[in-house]
Structures are given as C-alpha cells and as structure tokens.
Amino acid sequence: MINDQIRATEVRLVGAEGEQLGFKKLAEAVAIAEEQGFDLVNISPATSPPVCKLMDYGKYRFEEQKKEKEARKKQRITEVKGMELSMRIEEHDMLFKAKQVSKFLKNGEKVRVLIKKVRGRLAVYANQGIENMYKFYEMVKDDCEMEQKPILSGTIITMILSPKN
C-alpha cells in the first residue's frame, strides 16, 4: 500500500537511505514523503504500528519487474520425454530407439523409458523386461545417468534417465 491507501493512524517511518525517522502520525509521514519527493510505502503492515518507508515507488516496481524478468530468462523447464519399448524388442530396434534417446539427453531433457503390457504369460518373464531395460541403459550410458532404476509396478516397467552434467 502506498500514500493514501495506508489506513493506520500512526506509522514507524524509515527514510530513503534506511535511517530510522521514528514514530509519526500518518498525515505527518505523508507530508514528509511529498516534501522529499518520495512515496510513502507500507513495508510491514502486520506490525504495530506498521513500518513505512520513503521511496520512489515507480522506480521500485520497475526494478522488481526487471529482476523477475531476469529470473524467468535463467529458469529452465525440464521436459520429460518418453520412449516405449516392448518385452520382445529386437537388437536393431533397441539401437534405433537408443539413438533417439541420446538426442533427447543431449538437449538436456529427461527420458522415461517404459515397457507396457507386462501381463498374462509375459508377467512370468518380467525379469526379462528389466534385463532389456539394463541393456538399453548400457547403450545410452555415455550420455546419461540412471535417475530411477527399472521398476515393475503393475503391468508397467519404468526407468528414468537424466542427462549428465
């Protein structure tokens, strides 16, 4: 809240350079702010009396927006790509999919590798699916780290790979 939006009767006033100006009536604090060419900004409304500071509010908002924009530029959203294998995948197919996964990892994206439909007679051979996952990892291990080892949960075997730093 700034200037006339403040509803307290008395405020603790802090100067533009951070110096303590003491307790002042609201009207007196607003007058001091206008006299010095600043806005009266309520910094801590929860305290009794609230703490208000003399500052150029427009400049302050501009600086805050600038900081937020820089933070958004530096922020990187990691996308999780998916690659699906089958229980009875052939060597050549696995090599082809490993090349695709390597591209994803080089772009800095995580990859979730799945084997679906482990049911019926295939459920007996679930360990074969896990072995296929480890073979797949051996093909791409130069580009990644295993974030989550192959796990059978229900009818799906999953493994998560993340790029090396």
Protein backbone atom coordinates (compact mmCIF):
# COMPACT_ATOMS: atom_id res chain seq x y z
CA MET A 1 0.00 0.00 0.00
CA ILE A 2 1.23 3.47 -0.77
CA ASN A 3 0.41 7.03 0.33
CA ASP A 4 -3.38 7.47 0.80
CA GLN A 5 -4.09 3.71 0.76
CA ILE A 6 -2.49 3.28 4.21
CA ARG A 7 -5.19 3.10 6.92
CA ALA A 8 -3.11 3.26 10.14
CA THR A 9 -3.17 6.34 12.36
CA GLU A 10 0.50 6.12 13.36
CA VAL A 11 3.46 4.63 11.49
CA ARG A 12 7.11 3.88 12.10
CA LEU A 13 8.93 5.87 9.42
CA VAL A 14 12.13 4.76 7.68
CA GLY A 15 13.97 7.22 5.45
CA ALA A 16 15.03 6.72 1.83
CA GLU A 17 18.55 5.71 2.88
CA GLY A 18 17.31 3.29 5.56
CA GLU A 19 17.67 5.68 8.52
CA GLN A 20 15.05 5.50 11.30
CA LEU A 21 12.89 8.64 11.49
CA GLY A 22 10.80 7.41 14.42
CA PHE A 23 7.05 7.18 15.04
CA LYS A 24 4.95 9.70 13.13
CA LYS A 25 1.27 10.39 12.56
CA LEU A 26 0.16 9.25 9.09
CA ALA A 27 -0.58 12.77 7.85
CA GLU A 28 2.86 13.95 9.01
CA ALA A 29 4.59 10.97 7.32
CA VAL A 30 2.76 11.62 4.02
CA ALA A 31 3.75 15.31 4.23
CA ILE A 32 7.43 14.37 4.77
CA ALA A 33 7.25 11.99 1.78
CA GLU A 34 5.74 14.66 -0.51
CA GLU A 35 8.23 17.26 0.71
CA GLN A 36 11.18 14.98 -0.19
CA GLY A 37 9.57 13.87 -3.49
CA PHE A 38 9.04 10.24 -2.49
CA ASP A 39 6.10 7.90 -1.93
CA LEU A 40 5.19 6.51 1.48
CA VAL A 41 5.21 2.70 1.07
CA ASN A 42 3.88 0.31 3.73
CA ILE A 43 6.63 -2.33 4.04
CA SER A 44 5.42 -4.27 7.04
CA PRO A 45 1.66 -3.90 7.59
CA ALA A 46 1.45 -6.74 10.14
CA THR A 47 3.46 -4.96 12.85
CA SER A 48 2.00 -2.48 15.31
CA PRO A 49 2.45 0.31 14.27
CA PRO A 50 3.12 -0.56 10.60
CA VAL A 51 6.55 0.20 9.13
CA CYS A 52 6.55 2.63 6.19
CA LYS A 53 9.50 3.67 4.05
CA LEU A 54 10.14 6.69 1.88
CA MET A 55 10.94 5.55 -1.69
CA ASP A 56 10.22 6.17 -5.35
CA TYR A 57 7.54 3.51 -5.83
CA GLY A 58 7.57 3.62 -9.65
CA LYS A 59 11.32 3.01 -9.72
CA TYR A 60 10.97 0.25 -7.12
CA ARG A 61 8.28 -1.57 -9.19
CA PHE A 62 10.41 -1.20 -12.34
CA GLU A 63 13.43 -2.76 -10.61
CA GLU A 64 11.30 -5.64 -9.25
CA GLN A 65 9.86 -6.37 -12.71
CA LYS A 66 13.37 -6.29 -14.17
CA LYS A 67 14.58 -8.83 -11.57
CA GLU A 68 11.58 -11.12 -12.26
CA LYS A 69 12.23 -10.97 -15.99
CA GLU A 70 15.91 -11.92 -15.50
CA ALA A 71 14.89 -14.80 -13.21
CA ARG A 72 12.46 -16.10 -15.86
CA LYS A 73 15.19 -15.94 -18.51
CA LYS A 74 17.53 -18.07 -16.41
CA GLN A 75 14.80 -20.54 -15.46
CA ARG A 76 14.84 -23.76 -17.45
CA ILE A 77 11.85 -26.04 -17.54
CA THR A 78 12.96 -29.62 -17.97
CA GLU A 79 10.64 -31.67 -20.11
CA VAL A 80 10.34 -35.40 -19.59
CA LYS A 81 10.29 -37.26 -22.89
CA GLY A 82 9.02 -40.80 -23.16
CA MET A 83 10.32 -43.85 -25.01
CA GLU A 84 8.35 -47.08 -25.12
CA LEU A 85 9.99 -50.47 -25.57
CA SER A 86 8.40 -53.90 -25.76
CA MET A 87 9.24 -57.11 -23.95
CA ARG A 88 10.37 -58.83 -27.14
CA ILE A 89 12.26 -55.93 -28.75
CA GLU A 90 14.97 -56.81 -31.27
CA GLU A 91 18.56 -55.52 -31.09
CA HIS A 92 18.25 -53.21 -34.14
CA ASP A 93 15.03 -51.63 -32.87
CA MET A 94 16.64 -51.03 -29.50
CA LEU A 95 19.66 -49.36 -31.17
CA PHE A 96 17.34 -47.07 -33.16
CA LYS A 97 15.46 -46.03 -30.02
CA ALA A 98 18.74 -45.56 -28.13
CA LYS A 99 19.87 -43.02 -30.77
CA GLN A 100 16.62 -41.10 -30.32
CA VAL A 101 17.00 -41.11 -26.54
CA SER A 102 20.62 -39.91 -26.88
CA LYS A 103 19.36 -36.90 -28.88
CA PHE A 104 16.86 -36.06 -26.15
CA LEU A 105 19.51 -36.36 -23.44
CA LYS A 106 21.98 -34.17 -25.35
CA ASN A 107 19.25 -31.50 -25.50
CA GLY A 108 19.12 -31.61 -21.69
CA GLU A 109 15.79 -33.41 -21.34
CA LYS A 110 14.96 -36.29 -19.02
CA VAL A 111 13.66 -39.51 -20.55
CA ARG A 112 11.18 -42.00 -19.08
CA VAL A 113 11.66 -45.44 -20.65
CA LEU A 114 8.60 -47.73 -20.46
CA ILE A 115 7.71 -51.32 -21.15
CA LYS A 116 3.92 -51.64 -21.09
CA LYS A 117 1.60 -54.62 -21.12
CA VAL A 118 3.58 -56.94 -18.86
CA ARG A 119 0.63 -59.26 -18.23
CA GLY A 120 -0.56 -62.75 -18.91
CA ARG A 121 2.29 -65.11 -19.78
CA LEU A 122 4.69 -62.18 -20.09
CA ALA A 123 4.23 -61.37 -16.39
CA VAL A 124 6.14 -64.56 -15.58
CA TYR A 125 9.09 -63.18 -17.55
CA ALA A 126 9.05 -59.65 -16.09
CA ASN A 127 12.72 -60.03 -15.16
CA GLN A 128 13.46 -60.37 -18.90
CA GLY A 129 11.89 -56.92 -19.40
CA ILE A 130 14.07 -55.50 -16.64
CA GLU A 131 17.13 -57.05 -18.31
CA ASN A 132 16.09 -55.36 -21.58
CA MET A 133 15.97 -52.06 -19.71
CA TYR A 134 19.52 -52.55 -18.41
CA LYS A 135 20.70 -53.45 -21.96
CA PHE A 136 19.06 -50.24 -23.19
CA TYR A 137 20.83 -48.26 -20.45
CA GLU A 138 24.17 -49.75 -21.48
CA MET A 139 23.57 -48.36 -25.00
CA VAL A 140 22.99 -44.78 -23.78
CA LYS A 141 25.05 -44.66 -20.57
CA ASP A 142 27.65 -42.30 -22.11
CA ASP A 143 25.01 -39.55 -22.30
CA CYS A 144 23.03 -40.11 -19.12
CA GLU A 145 22.72 -41.14 -15.52
CA MET A 146 20.07 -43.54 -14.25
CA GLU A 147 17.84 -41.47 -12.02
CA GLN A 148 15.43 -44.33 -11.29
CA LYS A 149 16.28 -47.98 -11.77
CA PRO A 150 13.85 -50.21 -13.69
CA ILE A 151 10.85 -50.94 -11.50
CA LEU A 152 7.86 -53.18 -12.19
CA SER A 153 4.68 -51.51 -10.99
CA GLY A 154 1.53 -53.27 -12.01
CA THR A 155 1.81 -54.01 -15.72
CA ILE A 156 4.43 -51.35 -16.50
CA ILE A 157 8.22 -51.34 -16.11
CA THR A 158 9.65 -47.81 -15.85
CA MET A 159 13.14 -46.34 -15.75
CA ILE A 160 14.07 -42.63 -15.71
CA LEU A 161 17.26 -41.33 -17.31
CA SER A 162 18.63 -37.82 -16.80
CA PRO A 163 21.39 -36.07 -18.79
CA LYS A 164 24.92 -35.97 -17.43
CA ASN A 165 26.06 -32.62 -16.10
